[in-house]
Amino acid sequence: MYNLLMSKKKKSLPDNTIAQNKKARHDFFIEDTFEAGIVLEGWEVKSLRAGRIQMTESYIMVRDSELWWIGMSITPLLSASTHINPDHYRSRKLLMHRREIDKLIGAVERKGYTLVPLSAYWIKGKAKLKIGLAKGKKDHDKRAADKDRDWKREKQRILKSQ
């Protein structure tokens, strides 16, 4: 009976990740994460489904008590539409509850935090963005993190070989 229970595999969910910003975790200490909806046009949704997004140099800015995703590039598909003129780098509005936005605005303005996009993904057919409330790392912090990561990797290799 024990072997039957152990042999069953978990059903894995389909990977719904569109893109990840790996540079954000390298450059910042992520204190907290939030989820936000993204206001997109039709051609942008098609391009996201094709995975044509670049978000490494993007950031989130507070403007008129609203959150805006700036500096992210969505490359349009050639077959998306002929009657529109797509703008890759336009600012995209983020949708969140008012309390969450107020909390983020307070942290950014009073405590000196930064809002960083971490990853974009699909939930029930809607594009979502994971936002990180972050503090910047100094160069010595980055070196220490790299050193720790390399040591953990080397330790795993040593334990695996024995």
C-alpha atoms as a PDB file:
ATOM      1  CA  MET A   1       0.000   0.000   0.000  1.00  0.00           C
ATOM      2  CA  TYR A   2       2.834   2.374   0.861  1.00  0.00           C
ATOM      3  CA  ASN A   3       4.448   1.904  -2.569  1.00  0.00           C
ATOM      4  CA  LEU A   4       1.197   2.742  -4.339  1.00  0.00           C
ATOM      5  CA  LEU A   5       0.902   6.047  -2.520  1.00  0.00           C
ATOM      6  CA  MET A   6       4.494   7.008  -3.168  1.00  0.00           C
ATOM      7  CA  SER A   7       4.365   6.174  -6.864  1.00  0.00           C
ATOM      8  CA  LYS A   8       1.560   8.603  -7.685  1.00  0.00           C
ATOM      9  CA  LYS A   9       2.853  11.745  -9.302  1.00  0.00           C
ATOM     10  CA  LYS A  10       1.477  15.156  -8.540  1.00  0.00           C
ATOM     11  CA  LYS A  11      -0.372  16.759 -11.390  1.00  0.00           C
ATOM     12  CA  SER A  12       1.711  19.699 -12.447  1.00  0.00           C
ATOM     13  CA  LEU A  13      -0.059  22.889 -13.398  1.00  0.00           C
ATOM     14  CA  PRO A  14       0.664  24.358 -16.813  1.00  0.00           C
ATOM     15  CA  ASP A  15       3.370  27.000 -16.736  1.00  0.00           C
ATOM     16  CA  ASN A  16       1.521  30.306 -16.914  1.00  0.00           C
ATOM     17  CA  THR A  17       4.588  32.552 -16.634  1.00  0.00           C
ATOM     18  CA  ILE A  18       5.004  35.106 -19.416  1.00  0.00           C
ATOM     19  CA  ALA A  19       8.317  36.645 -18.306  1.00  0.00           C
ATOM     20  CA  GLN A  20      10.499  37.062 -15.231  1.00  0.00           C
ATOM     21  CA  ASN A  21      12.746  39.914 -14.177  1.00  0.00           C
ATOM     22  CA  LYS A  22      15.719  38.006 -12.739  1.00  0.00           C
ATOM     23  CA  LYS A  23      17.807  41.165 -12.538  1.00  0.00           C
ATOM     24  CA  ALA A  24      15.402  42.611  -9.956  1.00  0.00           C
ATOM     25  CA  ARG A  25      16.266  39.960  -7.354  1.00  0.00           C
ATOM     26  CA  HIS A  26      19.962  40.577  -8.006  1.00  0.00           C
ATOM     27  CA  ASP A  27      19.730  44.362  -7.628  1.00  0.00           C
ATOM     28  CA  PHE A  28      17.173  44.641  -4.802  1.00  0.00           C
ATOM     29  CA  PHE A  29      16.154  43.149  -1.456  1.00  0.00           C
ATOM     30  CA  ILE A  30      12.489  42.219  -1.985  1.00  0.00           C
ATOM     31  CA  GLU A  31      10.556  42.989   1.210  1.00  0.00           C
ATOM     32  CA  ASP A  32       7.007  42.188   0.080  1.00  0.00           C
ATOM     33  CA  THR A  33       5.151  41.181  -3.105  1.00  0.00           C
ATOM     34  CA  PHE A  34       1.812  42.239  -4.550  1.00  0.00           C
ATOM     35  CA  GLU A  35      -0.279  41.224  -7.550  1.00  0.00           C
ATOM     36  CA  ALA A  36      -1.645  43.748 -10.023  1.00  0.00           C
ATOM     37  CA  GLY A  37      -3.697  43.577 -13.191  1.00  0.00           C
ATOM     38  CA  ILE A  38      -2.383  45.193 -16.363  1.00  0.00           C
ATOM     39  CA  VAL A  39      -4.394  47.405 -18.739  1.00  0.00           C
ATOM     40  CA  LEU A  40      -3.497  46.175 -22.230  1.00  0.00           C
ATOM     41  CA  GLU A  41      -4.624  46.676 -25.807  1.00  0.00           C
ATOM     42  CA  GLY A  42      -5.604  43.778 -28.033  1.00  0.00           C
ATOM     43  CA  TRP A  43      -2.337  43.585 -29.988  1.00  0.00           C
ATOM     44  CA  GLU A  44      -0.405  43.585 -26.699  1.00  0.00           C
ATOM     45  CA  VAL A  45      -2.311  40.553 -25.426  1.00  0.00           C
ATOM     46  CA  LYS A  46      -1.507  38.673 -28.636  1.00  0.00           C
ATOM     47  CA  SER A  47       2.170  39.568 -28.316  1.00  0.00           C
ATOM     48  CA  LEU A  48       2.232  38.495 -24.662  1.00  0.00           C
ATOM     49  CA  ARG A  49       0.765  35.125 -25.610  1.00  0.00           C
ATOM     50  CA  ALA A  50       3.649  34.790 -28.084  1.00  0.00           C
ATOM     51  CA  GLY A  51       6.120  35.734 -25.312  1.00  0.00           C
ATOM     52  CA  ARG A  52       7.369  38.939 -26.941  1.00  0.00           C
ATOM     53  CA  ILE A  53       8.020  40.969 -23.790  1.00  0.00           C
ATOM     54  CA  GLN A  54      11.176  42.539 -22.366  1.00  0.00           C
ATOM     55  CA  MET A  55      10.978  43.808 -18.784  1.00  0.00           C
ATOM     56  CA  THR A  56      14.522  43.940 -17.376  1.00  0.00           C
ATOM     57  CA  GLU A  57      14.899  47.732 -17.449  1.00  0.00           C
ATOM     58  CA  SER A  58      11.302  48.518 -16.486  1.00  0.00           C
ATOM     59  CA  TYR A  59      10.056  50.075 -13.267  1.00  0.00           C
ATOM     60  CA  ILE A  60       6.814  51.124 -11.583  1.00  0.00           C
ATOM     61  CA  MET A  61       6.010  54.745 -10.891  1.00  0.00           C
ATOM     62  CA  VAL A  62       3.271  56.438  -8.868  1.00  0.00           C
ATOM     63  CA  ARG A  63       1.475  59.181 -10.797  1.00  0.00           C
ATOM     64  CA  ASP A  64      -1.769  60.838  -9.597  1.00  0.00           C
ATOM     65  CA  SER A  65      -2.385  58.088  -7.001  1.00  0.00           C
ATOM     66  CA  GLU A  66      -2.165  55.435  -9.733  1.00  0.00           C
ATOM     67  CA  LEU A  67       0.523  52.891 -10.536  1.00  0.00           C
ATOM     68  CA  TRP A  68       2.122  52.915 -13.994  1.00  0.00           C
ATOM     69  CA  TRP A  69       4.475  50.337 -15.504  1.00  0.00           C
ATOM     70  CA  ILE A  70       7.146  52.226 -17.448  1.00  0.00           C
ATOM     71  CA  GLY A  71      10.010  51.085 -19.661  1.00  0.00           C
ATOM     72  CA  MET A  72       8.612  47.645 -20.528  1.00  0.00           C
ATOM     73  CA  SER A  73       8.683  46.684 -24.189  1.00  0.00           C
ATOM     74  CA  ILE A  74       6.084  44.530 -25.917  1.00  0.00           C
ATOM     75  CA  THR A  75       7.133  43.823 -29.491  1.00  0.00           C
ATOM     76  CA  PRO A  76       4.091  43.756 -31.791  1.00  0.00           C
ATOM     77  CA  LEU A  77       3.408  40.772 -34.018  1.00  0.00           C
ATOM     78  CA  LEU A  78       3.566  41.433 -37.736  1.00  0.00           C
ATOM     79  CA  SER A  79       0.100  39.959 -38.205  1.00  0.00           C
ATOM     80  CA  ALA A  80      -1.528  41.624 -35.192  1.00  0.00           C
ATOM     81  CA  SER A  81      -3.271  44.529 -36.896  1.00  0.00           C
ATOM     82  CA  THR A  82      -2.876  46.768 -39.902  1.00  0.00           C
ATOM     83  CA  HIS A  83      -4.980  49.754 -38.849  1.00  0.00           C
ATOM     84  CA  ILE A  84      -3.177  50.694 -35.609  1.00  0.00           C
ATOM     85  CA  ASN A  85       0.241  52.136 -34.907  1.00  0.00           C
ATOM     86  CA  PRO A  86       1.606  50.147 -31.929  1.00  0.00           C
ATOM     87  CA  ASP A  87       3.864  51.850 -29.385  1.00  0.00           C
ATOM     88  CA  HIS A  88       6.281  49.337 -27.781  1.00  0.00           C
ATOM     89  CA  TYR A  89       7.253  51.468 -24.799  1.00  0.00           C
ATOM     90  CA  ARG A  90       3.978  53.131 -23.819  1.00  0.00           C
ATOM     91  CA  SER A  91       3.188  53.412 -20.114  1.00  0.00           C
ATOM     92  CA  ARG A  92       0.725  50.784 -18.944  1.00  0.00           C
ATOM     93  CA  LYS A  93      -1.632  51.325 -16.028  1.00  0.00           C
ATOM     94  CA  LEU A  94      -1.700  48.764 -13.220  1.00  0.00           C
ATOM     95  CA  LEU A  95      -4.916  47.766 -11.470  1.00  0.00           C
ATOM     96  CA  MET A  96      -4.974  47.200  -7.708  1.00  0.00           C
ATOM     97  CA  HIS A  97      -7.293  47.821  -4.788  1.00  0.00           C
ATOM     98  CA  ARG A  98      -7.175  51.364  -3.377  1.00  0.00           C
ATOM     99  CA  ARG A  99      -5.906  50.189   0.046  1.00  0.00           C
ATOM    100  CA  GLU A 100      -3.006  48.323  -1.552  1.00  0.00           C
ATOM    101  CA  ILE A 101      -2.107  51.328  -3.709  1.00  0.00           C
ATOM    102  CA  ASP A 102      -2.207  53.622  -0.656  1.00  0.00           C
ATOM    103  CA  LYS A 103       0.044  51.222   1.265  1.00  0.00           C
ATOM    104  CA  LEU A 104       2.557  51.136  -1.599  1.00  0.00           C
ATOM    105  CA  ILE A 105       2.491  54.923  -2.022  1.00  0.00           C
ATOM    106  CA  GLY A 106       3.190  55.357   1.714  1.00  0.00           C
ATOM    107  CA  ALA A 107       6.117  52.944   1.590  1.00  0.00           C
ATOM    108  CA  VAL A 108       7.616  54.590  -1.484  1.00  0.00           C
ATOM    109  CA  GLU A 109       7.229  58.198  -0.334  1.00  0.00           C
ATOM    110  CA  ARG A 110       7.945  57.895   3.397  1.00  0.00           C
ATOM    111  CA  LYS A 111      10.225  54.894   3.776  1.00  0.00           C
ATOM    112  CA  GLY A 112      12.264  55.126   0.565  1.00  0.00           C
ATOM    113  CA  TYR A 113      11.225  51.825  -1.009  1.00  0.00           C
ATOM    114  CA  THR A 114      11.157  51.132  -4.735  1.00  0.00           C
ATOM    115  CA  LEU A 115       8.488  49.317  -6.740  1.00  0.00           C
ATOM    116  CA  VAL A 116       9.989  46.686  -9.031  1.00  0.00           C
ATOM    117  CA  PRO A 117       8.215  44.374 -11.514  1.00  0.00           C
ATOM    118  CA  LEU A 118       9.191  40.764 -10.735  1.00  0.00           C
ATOM    119  CA  SER A 119       7.204  38.609 -13.153  1.00  0.00           C
ATOM    120  CA  ALA A 120       4.267  38.637 -15.538  1.00  0.00           C
ATOM    121  CA  TYR A 121       1.904  35.681 -15.757  1.00  0.00           C
ATOM    122  CA  TRP A 122      -1.609  34.552 -16.705  1.00  0.00           C
ATOM    123  CA  ILE A 123      -4.420  33.844 -14.234  1.00  0.00           C
ATOM    124  CA  LYS A 124      -7.757  32.752 -15.714  1.00  0.00           C
ATOM    125  CA  GLY A 125      -6.905  34.370 -19.046  1.00  0.00           C
ATOM    126  CA  LYS A 126      -5.940  37.720 -17.524  1.00  0.00           C
ATOM    127  CA  ALA A 127      -2.418  39.139 -17.523  1.00  0.00           C
ATOM    128  CA  LYS A 128      -1.097  39.826 -14.028  1.00  0.00           C
ATOM    129  CA  LEU A 129       2.098  41.381 -12.737  1.00  0.00           C
ATOM    130  CA  LYS A 130       3.916  40.491  -9.525  1.00  0.00           C
ATOM    131  CA  ILE A 131       5.273  43.683  -7.959  1.00  0.00           C
ATOM    132  CA  GLY A 132       8.035  43.736  -5.384  1.00  0.00           C
ATOM    133  CA  LEU A 133       8.384  46.353  -2.660  1.00  0.00           C
ATOM    134  CA  ALA A 134      12.162  46.596  -2.606  1.00  0.00           C
ATOM    135  CA  LYS A 135      15.241  48.289  -1.182  1.00  0.00           C
ATOM    136  CA  GLY A 136      18.338  48.665  -3.335  1.00  0.00           C
ATOM    137  CA  LYS A 137      21.420  46.515  -2.750  1.00  0.00           C
ATOM    138  CA  LYS A 138      24.888  47.971  -2.472  1.00  0.00           C
ATOM    139  CA  ASP A 139      27.776  46.427  -4.445  1.00  0.00           C
ATOM    140  CA  HIS A 140      29.138  44.616  -1.395  1.00  0.00           C
ATOM    141  CA  ASP A 141      25.673  43.095  -0.781  1.00  0.00           C
ATOM    142  CA  LYS A 142      25.596  41.793  -4.355  1.00  0.00           C
ATOM    143  CA  ARG A 143      29.061  40.270  -3.986  1.00  0.00           C
ATOM    144  CA  ALA A 144      28.076  38.574  -0.723  1.00  0.00           C
ATOM    145  CA  ALA A 145      24.904  37.169  -2.303  1.00  0.00           C
ATOM    146  CA  ASP A 146      26.917  35.846  -5.275  1.00  0.00           C
ATOM    147  CA  LYS A 147      29.440  34.283  -2.920  1.00  0.00           C
ATOM    148  CA  ASP A 148      26.694  32.569  -0.885  1.00  0.00           C
ATOM    149  CA  ARG A 149      25.003  31.282  -4.021  1.00  0.00           C
ATOM    150  CA  ASP A 150      28.292  29.888  -5.392  1.00  0.00           C
ATOM    151  CA  TRP A 151      29.051  28.213  -2.061  1.00  0.00           C
ATOM    152  CA  LYS A 152      25.615  26.564  -1.943  1.00  0.00           C
ATOM    153  CA  ARG A 153      26.079  25.306  -5.490  1.00  0.00           C
ATOM    154  CA  GLU A 154      29.561  23.925  -4.693  1.00  0.00           C
ATOM    155  CA  LYS A 155      28.262  22.309  -1.506  1.00  0.00           C
ATOM    156  CA  GLN A 156      25.533  20.534  -3.506  1.00  0.00           C
ATOM    157  CA  ARG A 157      28.146  19.250  -5.979  1.00  0.00           C
ATOM    158  CA  ILE A 158      30.315  17.896  -3.166  1.00  0.00           C
ATOM    159  CA  LEU A 159      27.378  16.166  -1.457  1.00  0.00           C
ATOM    160  CA  LYS A 160      26.154  14.737  -4.755  1.00  0.00           C
ATOM    161  CA  SER A 161      29.551  13.256  -5.643  1.00  0.00           C
ATOM    162  CA  GLN A 162      29.899  11.441  -2.304  1.00  0.00           C
END
